[in-house]
Amino acid sequence: MPGGTHASGEVRTLHGTRLLRPRRACCGSCDATHVLLPARVVPRRRDSADVIGTALLANAHGEGHRRIAARLDRPADTVRGWLRAFKGRADAITSCAYAWARTLDNTWLPARAQGSPVADAVNALGDATRLVRLRLRMRATAWELAVLLTGGLLHGEVRRP
């Protein structure tokens, strides 16, 4: 939950804030209670998937964390943290996105490597989310789908199809 809590809170979006009241569910196999977050929320982050995704895309295009932070009106340390977390998972995210893309379209071929693990991961997520929208007709934003496909984008275990 954003802000490190499981209670109600606000999630910062590109256009303001949204109130979040997460639901809970009890697992039938382990009887544990889990907090259910919508795809627009990146686990353990106060900013929405679209905000963080905008920063990741800008970084993939060569922008630094300070410039991105100024444009998004976020603290530079916060943006640097997002970028570091993503960079640390970039290879796993790229592999995950490739697996999803191949599952959705067995004729799909990856784009040529960009020379940056972050750029490669962002491009791979773009391909995978486009195929999800096309094949499964999901209307979520690309970054919401990226959160779903990767098991949290910046944290968590990378999911594979």
Protein backbone atom coordinates (compact mmCIF):
# COMPACT_ATOMS: atom_id res chain seq x y z
CA MET A 1 0.00 0.00 0.00
CA PRO A 2 1.32 3.44 -0.78
CA GLY A 3 2.88 5.10 2.21
CA GLY A 4 3.64 1.73 3.81
CA THR A 5 0.19 1.22 5.32
CA HIS A 6 -2.84 -0.89 4.51
CA ALA A 7 -5.40 1.70 5.56
CA SER A 8 -7.08 4.22 3.31
CA GLY A 9 -4.74 6.68 1.68
CA GLU A 10 -4.10 8.86 -1.29
CA VAL A 11 -2.30 7.89 -4.46
CA ARG A 12 -0.63 10.68 -6.43
CA THR A 13 -1.51 10.57 -10.12
CA LEU A 14 -0.40 12.67 -13.07
CA HIS A 15 -3.44 14.90 -12.51
CA GLY A 16 -3.78 15.16 -8.72
CA THR A 17 -4.55 12.59 -6.07
CA ARG A 18 -7.06 9.77 -5.74
CA LEU A 19 -8.39 8.25 -2.57
CA LEU A 20 -7.58 4.59 -2.20
CA ARG A 21 -9.52 2.23 0.04
CA PRO A 22 -8.01 -1.20 -0.60
CA ARG A 23 -10.12 -4.29 -0.24
CA ARG A 24 -9.07 -7.41 1.62
CA ALA A 25 -9.57 -11.03 0.71
CA CYS A 26 -8.99 -14.28 2.54
CA CYS A 27 -6.95 -16.90 0.68
CA GLY A 28 -8.82 -20.19 0.45
CA SER A 29 -5.67 -22.31 0.56
CA CYS A 30 -3.66 -20.63 3.33
CA ASP A 31 -6.37 -18.67 5.23
CA ALA A 32 -4.18 -15.56 5.19
CA THR A 33 -5.75 -12.17 4.60
CA HIS A 34 -4.36 -10.21 1.66
CA VAL A 35 -4.75 -6.56 0.67
CA LEU A 36 -5.99 -6.23 -2.91
CA LEU A 37 -4.62 -3.24 -4.77
CA PRO A 38 -5.89 -1.96 -8.12
CA ALA A 39 -3.45 -2.12 -11.04
CA ARG A 40 -3.02 1.66 -11.00
CA VAL A 41 -1.14 1.27 -7.70
CA VAL A 42 2.49 0.18 -7.58
CA PRO A 43 2.95 -1.77 -4.34
CA ARG A 44 4.79 0.15 -1.62
CA ARG A 45 4.67 3.40 -3.61
CA ARG A 46 2.59 6.50 -3.11
CA ASP A 47 2.58 7.40 -6.80
CA SER A 48 0.45 5.71 -9.44
CA ALA A 49 1.72 3.36 -12.12
CA ASP A 50 1.29 6.08 -14.75
CA VAL A 51 3.46 8.56 -12.79
CA ILE A 52 6.24 6.04 -12.24
CA GLY A 53 5.91 4.75 -15.79
CA THR A 54 6.26 8.28 -17.15
CA ALA A 55 9.53 8.57 -15.22
CA LEU A 56 10.75 5.20 -16.50
CA LEU A 57 9.95 6.11 -20.10
CA ALA A 58 11.74 9.47 -19.77
CA ASN A 59 14.77 7.74 -18.27
CA ALA A 60 14.76 5.17 -21.09
CA HIS A 61 15.00 8.16 -23.46
CA GLY A 62 18.04 9.47 -21.61
CA GLU A 63 16.59 11.94 -19.09
CA GLY A 64 18.13 12.08 -15.64
CA HIS A 65 16.29 11.76 -12.34
CA ARG A 66 16.48 15.47 -11.42
CA ARG A 67 14.92 16.65 -14.66
CA ILE A 68 12.21 13.98 -14.46
CA ALA A 69 11.51 14.89 -10.83
CA ALA A 70 11.13 18.57 -11.68
CA ARG A 71 8.72 17.80 -14.53
CA LEU A 72 6.63 15.44 -12.37
CA ASP A 73 6.83 17.71 -9.31
CA ARG A 74 8.26 14.91 -7.16
CA PRO A 75 11.35 14.82 -4.92
CA ALA A 76 14.52 13.92 -6.83
CA ASP A 77 15.35 11.20 -4.28
CA THR A 78 11.96 9.59 -4.87
CA VAL A 79 12.44 9.47 -8.63
CA ARG A 80 16.00 8.22 -8.25
CA GLY A 81 14.65 5.41 -6.06
CA TRP A 82 12.13 4.37 -8.72
CA LEU A 83 14.80 4.35 -11.40
CA ARG A 84 17.24 2.35 -9.27
CA ALA A 85 14.62 -0.21 -8.32
CA PHE A 86 13.58 -0.65 -11.94
CA LYS A 87 17.16 -0.84 -13.19
CA GLY A 88 17.87 -3.56 -10.64
CA ARG A 89 15.01 -5.63 -12.08
CA ALA A 90 15.43 -4.63 -15.73
CA ASP A 91 16.76 -7.97 -17.01
CA ALA A 92 14.06 -9.97 -15.21
CA ILE A 93 11.37 -7.55 -16.43
CA THR A 94 12.63 -7.81 -20.01
CA SER A 95 12.56 -11.62 -19.83
CA CYS A 96 9.09 -11.55 -18.30
CA ALA A 97 7.76 -9.16 -20.96
CA TYR A 98 9.30 -11.30 -23.73
CA ALA A 99 7.61 -14.40 -22.29
CA TRP A 100 4.24 -12.65 -22.18
CA ALA A 101 4.65 -11.31 -25.72
CA ARG A 102 5.56 -14.75 -27.09
CA THR A 103 2.64 -16.34 -25.25
CA LEU A 104 0.22 -13.82 -26.75
CA ASP A 105 1.71 -13.92 -30.26
CA ASN A 106 4.00 -16.76 -31.25
CA THR A 107 5.19 -14.75 -34.30
CA TRP A 108 6.35 -11.82 -32.16
CA LEU A 109 10.02 -10.89 -32.36
CA PRO A 110 11.77 -8.58 -29.88
CA ALA A 111 13.02 -5.19 -30.98
CA ARG A 112 16.74 -4.66 -31.41
CA ALA A 113 18.51 -3.99 -28.11
CA GLN A 114 18.80 -0.30 -27.24
CA GLY A 115 22.07 -0.59 -25.34
CA SER A 116 20.48 0.20 -21.98
CA PRO A 117 18.84 -2.36 -19.68
CA VAL A 118 16.18 0.22 -18.73
CA ALA A 119 15.38 1.10 -22.35
CA ASP A 120 15.25 -2.59 -23.30
CA ALA A 121 12.88 -3.34 -20.40
CA VAL A 122 10.61 -0.37 -21.20
CA ASN A 123 10.46 -1.39 -24.88
CA ALA A 124 9.71 -5.00 -23.97
CA LEU A 125 6.92 -3.88 -21.62
CA GLY A 126 5.53 -1.69 -24.39
CA ASP A 127 5.37 -4.67 -26.75
CA ALA A 128 3.82 -6.94 -24.14
CA THR A 129 1.19 -4.41 -23.06
CA ARG A 130 0.24 -3.66 -26.69
CA LEU A 131 -0.29 -7.38 -27.25
CA VAL A 132 -2.36 -7.70 -24.07
CA ARG A 133 -4.61 -4.88 -25.25
CA LEU A 134 -4.88 -6.35 -28.74
CA ARG A 135 -5.40 -10.01 -27.82
CA LEU A 136 -7.26 -9.69 -24.54
CA ARG A 137 -8.99 -6.37 -25.23
CA MET A 138 -8.04 -4.92 -21.87
CA ARG A 139 -8.55 -1.19 -21.49
CA ALA A 140 -6.12 -0.51 -18.67
CA THR A 141 -3.26 1.90 -19.30
CA ALA A 142 0.04 0.46 -20.47
CA TRP A 143 1.63 1.08 -17.06
CA GLU A 144 -1.28 -0.53 -15.21
CA LEU A 145 -0.81 -3.59 -17.41
CA ALA A 146 2.94 -3.47 -16.75
CA VAL A 147 2.24 -3.65 -13.00
CA LEU A 148 0.03 -6.70 -13.59
CA LEU A 149 2.45 -8.46 -15.93
CA THR A 150 5.51 -7.94 -13.72
CA GLY A 151 4.00 -8.57 -10.33
CA GLY A 152 4.49 -5.00 -9.14
CA LEU A 153 6.88 -3.28 -11.59
CA LEU A 154 9.43 -2.12 -9.01
CA HIS A 155 9.12 -4.83 -6.36
CA GLY A 156 7.88 -8.37 -5.96
CA GLU A 157 8.43 -11.59 -7.78
CA VAL A 158 8.37 -11.25 -11.55
CA ARG A 159 5.42 -13.21 -12.93
CA ARG A 160 5.61 -15.29 -16.05
CA PRO A 161 2.76 -16.59 -18.17
